[in-house]
Amino acid sequence: MPSSTENSGDSQALNPSALEQTLRRILATPAFLAAPLMARLLEYLAEETRPEAAGRLSAYQIALSVFGQATDFDPQTNSLVRVNMLRLRQMLEAYYAAAGTDDEWRLHLAPRSYILRLLPNNRVAPSGESLPSLAVLRIDNVAQDPERNWFCDGMTLELVHLLTGHPAIRVVVPHTNFPLPKRMGTCVKANTDYQLGCAARVTDKGKKPPNQYHMYFTASLADLNNKTTLWTKEYAGNMSIRFMRNVLEDITWHAWTYIVAPHAPVNRPARGKLRWKFPA
């Protein structure tokens, strides 16, 4: 994991009570009382919302932990987990369409995702009209090295892609030299509530690959309405795909936390490889 220093605003510490109360209310409904396996699946996903559990969720792990499958379980050929995740999403949708209409919080499972998120119920609007908006500035090439412009643009697009994974945030597309890919996510141009600025500086350590370069990265999230800085963080490490991905995932998680639910758990984005391939 990258080394870092952080000003995270301890007064806005995450409060798990909202998740526990919401979960308890849902599990007490007739639909979940009549489906103990679905209740166990929901409980397990809720347990995995802890930040230290980020990256562990997978169809294989769910099959072993919830459904008691053997270690030779193959999620590619066995649809057990996919079928039950679909059923769970449908049960949650049915709950919020009836008994949970006036709930303060909503448990949300995005399609094709195993990550359970706690969102303010009134912010999950299909039209997106009531959603807070986030402007992502193009990552600043601090060294002003022309050869690093493509790198900063690629990192910007990857960050935008991660940020748009949250259904309760509108992301304002930044200006980059790269054309924006289709199906980027919920990216819109609008007056913004928050602004995320980042800067990158790469130095030559004079060593052979893979540790030839060292990268310094800074991020800052501002509340434009109140004209305050909510969060800042600095990262430093050997330049690698893993380091860059960890940095962008951490920035995404903090932005989600401060914008959507600063007093409730918001799970980190699923870990994975960088989506965009940078030119050589």
Protein backbone atom coordinates (compact mmCIF):
# COMPACT_ATOMS: atom_id res chain seq x y z
CA MET A 1 0.00 0.00 0.00
CA PRO A 2 1.25 3.51 -0.70
CA SER A 3 2.68 5.56 2.08
CA SER A 4 0.72 8.71 2.75
CA THR A 5 -0.08 11.60 5.00
CA GLU A 6 -3.66 12.65 5.44
CA ASN A 7 -6.00 15.27 6.83
CA SER A 8 -9.22 13.29 6.97
CA GLY A 9 -11.40 15.32 9.33
CA ASP A 10 -11.79 13.11 12.40
CA SER A 11 -15.04 14.89 13.29
CA GLN A 12 -16.63 13.09 10.37
CA ALA A 13 -15.75 9.57 11.48
CA LEU A 14 -17.82 6.78 9.98
CA ASN A 15 -20.73 5.63 12.12
CA PRO A 16 -21.78 1.99 11.63
CA SER A 17 -25.02 2.42 13.59
CA ALA A 18 -26.95 3.57 10.50
CA LEU A 19 -25.96 0.40 8.65
CA GLU A 20 -26.86 -1.82 11.61
CA GLN A 21 -30.26 -0.21 12.10
CA THR A 22 -31.09 -0.36 8.41
CA LEU A 23 -30.03 -3.99 8.18
CA ARG A 24 -32.02 -4.97 11.27
CA ARG A 25 -35.17 -3.32 9.89
CA ILE A 26 -34.89 -5.11 6.54
CA LEU A 27 -34.16 -8.52 8.06
CA ALA A 28 -37.28 -8.22 10.24
CA THR A 29 -39.59 -7.99 7.23
CA PRO A 30 -41.72 -11.05 6.28
CA ALA A 31 -39.91 -11.49 2.96
CA PHE A 32 -36.49 -11.96 4.59
CA LEU A 33 -37.84 -13.93 7.55
CA ALA A 34 -39.21 -16.42 5.00
CA ALA A 35 -35.88 -16.56 3.16
CA PRO A 36 -33.11 -17.27 5.71
CA LEU A 37 -30.51 -17.86 2.99
CA MET A 38 -31.15 -14.41 1.51
CA ALA A 39 -30.96 -12.94 5.00
CA ARG A 40 -27.59 -14.62 5.58
CA LEU A 41 -26.31 -13.34 2.22
CA LEU A 42 -27.35 -9.80 3.08
CA GLU A 43 -25.75 -10.03 6.51
CA TYR A 44 -22.52 -11.31 5.00
CA LEU A 45 -22.36 -8.47 2.46
CA ALA A 46 -23.03 -5.98 5.27
CA GLU A 47 -20.15 -7.45 7.27
CA GLU A 48 -17.86 -6.90 4.30
CA THR A 49 -18.57 -3.15 4.13
CA ARG A 50 -15.75 -2.56 6.60
CA PRO A 51 -12.83 -0.71 4.91
CA GLU A 52 -10.33 -3.32 6.09
CA ALA A 53 -12.35 -5.97 4.21
CA ALA A 54 -12.11 -4.11 0.88
CA GLY A 55 -11.09 -6.27 -2.05
CA ARG A 56 -12.10 -9.62 -0.53
CA LEU A 57 -15.55 -9.87 -2.07
CA SER A 58 -15.85 -12.32 -4.94
CA ALA A 59 -18.31 -14.90 -6.19
CA TYR A 60 -15.93 -17.62 -5.01
CA GLN A 61 -15.65 -16.22 -1.48
CA ILE A 62 -19.41 -15.75 -1.22
CA ALA A 63 -20.02 -19.31 -2.39
CA LEU A 64 -17.78 -20.70 0.35
CA SER A 65 -18.81 -18.34 3.18
CA VAL A 66 -22.57 -18.13 2.58
CA PHE A 67 -23.60 -21.15 0.55
CA GLY A 68 -21.18 -23.68 2.05
CA GLN A 69 -19.65 -24.73 -1.27
CA ALA A 70 -16.47 -26.77 -1.50
CA THR A 71 -13.11 -25.19 -2.31
CA ASP A 72 -13.30 -26.50 -5.90
CA PHE A 73 -16.33 -24.28 -6.60
CA ASP A 74 -16.01 -22.61 -10.02
CA PRO A 75 -18.06 -19.38 -10.36
CA GLN A 76 -17.49 -19.39 -14.11
CA THR A 77 -19.46 -22.58 -14.63
CA ASN A 78 -21.76 -22.49 -11.60
CA SER A 79 -24.31 -19.66 -11.51
CA LEU A 80 -25.32 -20.20 -7.86
CA VAL A 81 -23.97 -16.87 -6.63
CA ARG A 82 -25.15 -14.83 -9.63
CA VAL A 83 -28.70 -16.18 -9.37
CA ASN A 84 -28.96 -15.46 -5.66
CA MET A 85 -27.41 -12.00 -5.98
CA LEU A 86 -30.08 -11.18 -8.57
CA ARG A 87 -32.76 -12.43 -6.20
CA LEU A 88 -31.33 -10.33 -3.37
CA ARG A 89 -31.37 -7.18 -5.53
CA GLN A 90 -34.98 -7.84 -6.42
CA MET A 91 -35.92 -8.32 -2.76
CA LEU A 92 -34.23 -5.05 -1.79
CA GLU A 93 -35.98 -3.21 -4.62
CA ALA A 94 -39.31 -4.65 -3.49
CA TYR A 95 -38.64 -3.55 0.08
CA TYR A 96 -37.87 0.06 -0.88
CA ALA A 97 -40.88 0.15 -3.18
CA ALA A 98 -43.16 -0.69 -0.26
CA ALA A 99 -42.24 -0.79 3.44
CA GLY A 100 -38.92 1.02 3.00
CA THR A 101 -40.19 3.99 1.01
CA ASP A 102 -39.69 6.44 3.88
CA ASP A 103 -36.46 4.95 5.26
CA GLU A 104 -33.63 7.42 5.77
CA TRP A 105 -31.01 5.05 4.35
CA ARG A 106 -30.97 2.61 1.43
CA LEU A 107 -28.92 -0.55 1.04
CA HIS A 108 -27.83 -0.56 -2.58
CA LEU A 109 -26.34 -3.36 -4.70
CA ALA A 110 -25.21 -2.18 -8.11
CA PRO A 111 -25.73 -4.60 -11.03
CA ARG A 112 -22.89 -7.10 -11.47
CA SER A 113 -21.39 -5.98 -8.15
CA TYR A 114 -21.03 -7.70 -4.79
CA ILE A 115 -20.40 -4.44 -2.92
CA LEU A 116 -23.21 -3.38 -0.61
CA ARG A 117 -23.43 0.39 -0.11
CA LEU A 118 -25.37 2.49 2.35
CA LEU A 119 -26.83 5.54 0.63
CA PRO A 120 -29.20 8.31 1.67
CA ASN A 121 -32.55 7.06 0.42
CA ASN A 122 -33.61 10.37 -1.09
CA ARG A 123 -30.45 10.59 -3.20
CA VAL A 124 -30.96 7.45 -5.23
CA ALA A 125 -33.04 9.09 -7.94
CA PRO A 126 -32.96 7.72 -11.51
CA SER A 127 -33.13 11.22 -12.96
CA GLY A 128 -30.14 12.29 -10.92
CA GLU A 129 -31.67 15.74 -10.36
CA SER A 130 -31.15 15.69 -6.59
CA LEU A 131 -27.69 14.14 -6.66
CA PRO A 132 -24.62 16.09 -5.54
CA SER A 133 -22.21 16.82 -8.38
CA LEU A 134 -18.44 16.47 -8.41
CA ALA A 135 -16.11 18.24 -10.82
CA VAL A 136 -12.92 16.28 -11.47
CA LEU A 137 -10.11 18.54 -12.60
CA ARG A 138 -7.55 17.24 -15.04
CA ILE A 139 -4.62 15.83 -13.05
CA ASP A 140 -1.92 18.49 -12.99
CA ASN A 141 1.43 17.58 -14.53
CA VAL A 142 3.55 19.34 -11.90
CA ALA A 143 6.87 18.84 -13.68
CA GLN A 144 5.44 20.29 -16.91
CA ASP A 145 7.06 17.42 -18.78
CA PRO A 146 5.28 17.07 -22.17
CA GLU A 147 5.97 13.34 -22.15
CA ARG A 148 3.88 13.01 -18.98
CA ASN A 149 0.76 14.67 -20.37
CA TRP A 150 -0.57 11.37 -21.69
CA PHE A 151 0.05 9.80 -18.29
CA CYS A 152 -1.91 12.50 -16.45
CA ASP A 153 -4.79 12.23 -18.91
CA GLY A 154 -4.90 8.45 -18.56
CA MET A 155 -4.92 8.70 -14.78
CA THR A 156 -7.68 11.33 -14.98
CA LEU A 157 -9.89 9.05 -17.07
CA GLU A 158 -9.27 6.12 -14.73
CA LEU A 159 -10.23 8.27 -11.74
CA VAL A 160 -13.41 9.46 -13.46
CA HIS A 161 -14.30 5.86 -14.27
CA LEU A 162 -13.94 4.82 -10.62
CA LEU A 163 -15.87 7.81 -9.28
CA THR A 164 -18.83 7.18 -11.58
CA GLY A 165 -19.26 3.76 -9.96
CA HIS A 166 -21.34 5.40 -7.25
CA PRO A 167 -25.06 5.81 -8.11
CA ALA A 168 -25.49 8.79 -5.77
CA ILE A 169 -22.93 11.15 -7.34
CA ARG A 170 -22.95 13.03 -10.63
CA VAL A 171 -19.46 13.39 -12.08
CA VAL A 172 -18.62 16.38 -14.25
CA VAL A 173 -16.35 15.32 -17.09
CA PRO A 174 -12.95 17.05 -17.11
CA HIS A 175 -11.20 18.40 -20.17
CA THR A 176 -8.43 16.07 -21.35
CA ASN A 177 -6.44 15.47 -24.50
CA PHE A 178 -7.97 12.00 -24.77
CA PRO A 179 -11.48 11.58 -26.20
CA LEU A 180 -13.86 10.44 -23.49
CA PRO A 181 -14.75 6.75 -23.94
CA LYS A 182 -18.35 5.75 -24.46
CA ARG A 183 -20.27 4.28 -21.50
CA MET A 184 -17.98 6.07 -19.07
CA GLY A 185 -20.76 6.14 -16.51
CA THR A 186 -23.00 8.85 -15.14
CA CYS A 187 -20.93 11.79 -16.38
CA VAL A 188 -22.77 15.07 -16.91
CA LYS A 189 -21.96 18.73 -17.27
CA ALA A 190 -23.61 20.78 -14.56
CA ASN A 191 -23.04 23.37 -11.86
CA THR A 192 -20.96 21.53 -9.31
CA ASP A 193 -21.12 21.16 -5.54
CA TYR A 194 -17.67 19.64 -5.04
CA GLN A 195 -14.32 19.78 -6.79
CA LEU A 196 -11.54 17.18 -6.80
CA GLY A 197 -8.07 18.32 -7.78
CA CYS A 198 -5.00 16.13 -8.14
CA ALA A 199 -1.38 16.61 -9.09
CA ALA A 200 1.33 14.14 -10.11
CA ARG A 201 5.11 14.42 -10.23
CA VAL A 202 7.37 11.65 -11.51
CA THR A 203 11.12 11.59 -10.82
CA ASP A 204 13.85 9.39 -12.28
CA LYS A 205 15.58 7.38 -9.53
CA GLY A 206 18.32 6.26 -11.88
CA LYS A 207 17.69 2.57 -11.26
CA LYS A 208 16.73 -0.25 -13.56
CA PRO A 209 13.03 -1.16 -14.03
CA PRO A 210 10.63 -1.82 -12.42
CA ASN A 211 11.68 0.81 -9.85
CA GLN A 212 13.15 3.31 -12.26
CA TYR A 213 10.65 6.04 -11.42
CA HIS A 214 9.23 7.45 -8.21
CA MET A 215 5.83 9.15 -8.12
CA TYR A 216 4.43 11.81 -5.82
CA PHE A 217 0.69 12.31 -5.91
CA THR A 218 -1.55 14.79 -4.07
CA ALA A 219 -5.35 15.02 -3.91
CA SER A 220 -7.72 17.60 -2.48
CA LEU A 221 -11.51 17.64 -2.21
CA ALA A 222 -13.28 21.00 -1.85
CA ASP A 223 -16.86 21.91 -0.96
CA LEU A 224 -17.58 24.72 -3.42
CA ASN A 225 -20.84 25.76 -1.76
CA ASN A 226 -19.23 26.33 1.63
CA LYS A 227 -15.81 27.26 0.20
CA THR A 228 -13.97 24.80 2.42
CA THR A 229 -11.45 22.00 1.90
CA LEU A 230 -12.90 18.72 3.14
CA TRP A 231 -9.93 16.44 2.68
CA THR A 232 -6.35 16.37 1.42
CA LYS A 233 -3.84 13.57 1.11
CA GLU A 234 -0.32 13.00 -0.20
CA TYR A 235 1.01 9.74 -1.67
CA ALA A 236 4.54 8.66 -2.55
CA GLY A 237 5.92 5.40 -3.89
CA ASN A 238 7.67 3.55 -6.67
CA MET A 239 5.76 4.09 -9.89
CA SER A 240 3.85 0.91 -10.75
CA ILE A 241 0.40 -0.13 -11.93
CA ARG A 242 -0.44 -1.44 -8.46
CA PHE A 243 0.66 1.80 -6.77
CA MET A 244 -1.35 3.96 -9.18
CA ARG A 245 -4.45 1.80 -8.82
CA ASN A 246 -4.21 1.87 -5.00
CA VAL A 247 -3.91 5.65 -5.04
CA LEU A 248 -6.92 6.13 -7.31
CA GLU A 249 -9.05 3.67 -5.31
CA ASP A 250 -8.19 5.48 -2.08
CA ILE A 251 -9.06 8.88 -3.57
CA THR A 252 -12.36 7.49 -4.88
CA TRP A 253 -13.32 6.03 -1.51
CA HIS A 254 -12.63 9.29 0.33
CA ALA A 255 -14.61 11.31 -2.23
CA TRP A 256 -17.58 8.93 -1.92
CA THR A 257 -17.41 9.07 1.87
CA TYR A 258 -17.34 12.85 2.18
CA ILE A 259 -19.89 13.61 -0.53
CA VAL A 260 -22.50 10.89 -0.08
CA ALA A 261 -22.54 9.82 3.56
CA PRO A 262 -19.84 11.32 5.77
CA HIS A 263 -21.41 9.75 8.87
CA ALA A 264 -22.13 6.28 7.44
CA PRO A 265 -20.04 3.45 5.97
CA VAL A 266 -19.33 3.63 2.25
CA ASN A 267 -17.46 0.64 0.91
CA ARG A 268 -14.32 1.02 -1.15
CA PRO A 269 -14.50 0.38 -4.91
CA ALA A 270 -13.75 -3.17 -6.02
CA ARG A 271 -10.06 -3.71 -6.58
CA GLY A 272 -8.84 -4.52 -10.04
CA LYS A 273 -6.52 -3.63 -12.87
CA LEU A 274 -6.32 -0.21 -14.47
CA ARG A 275 -9.10 0.11 -17.03
CA TRP A 276 -7.25 2.30 -19.52
CA LYS A 277 -4.09 1.30 -21.35
CA PHE A 278 -1.62 4.15 -21.50
CA PRO A 279 0.30 4.65 -24.75
CA ALA A 280 3.95 3.60 -24.71
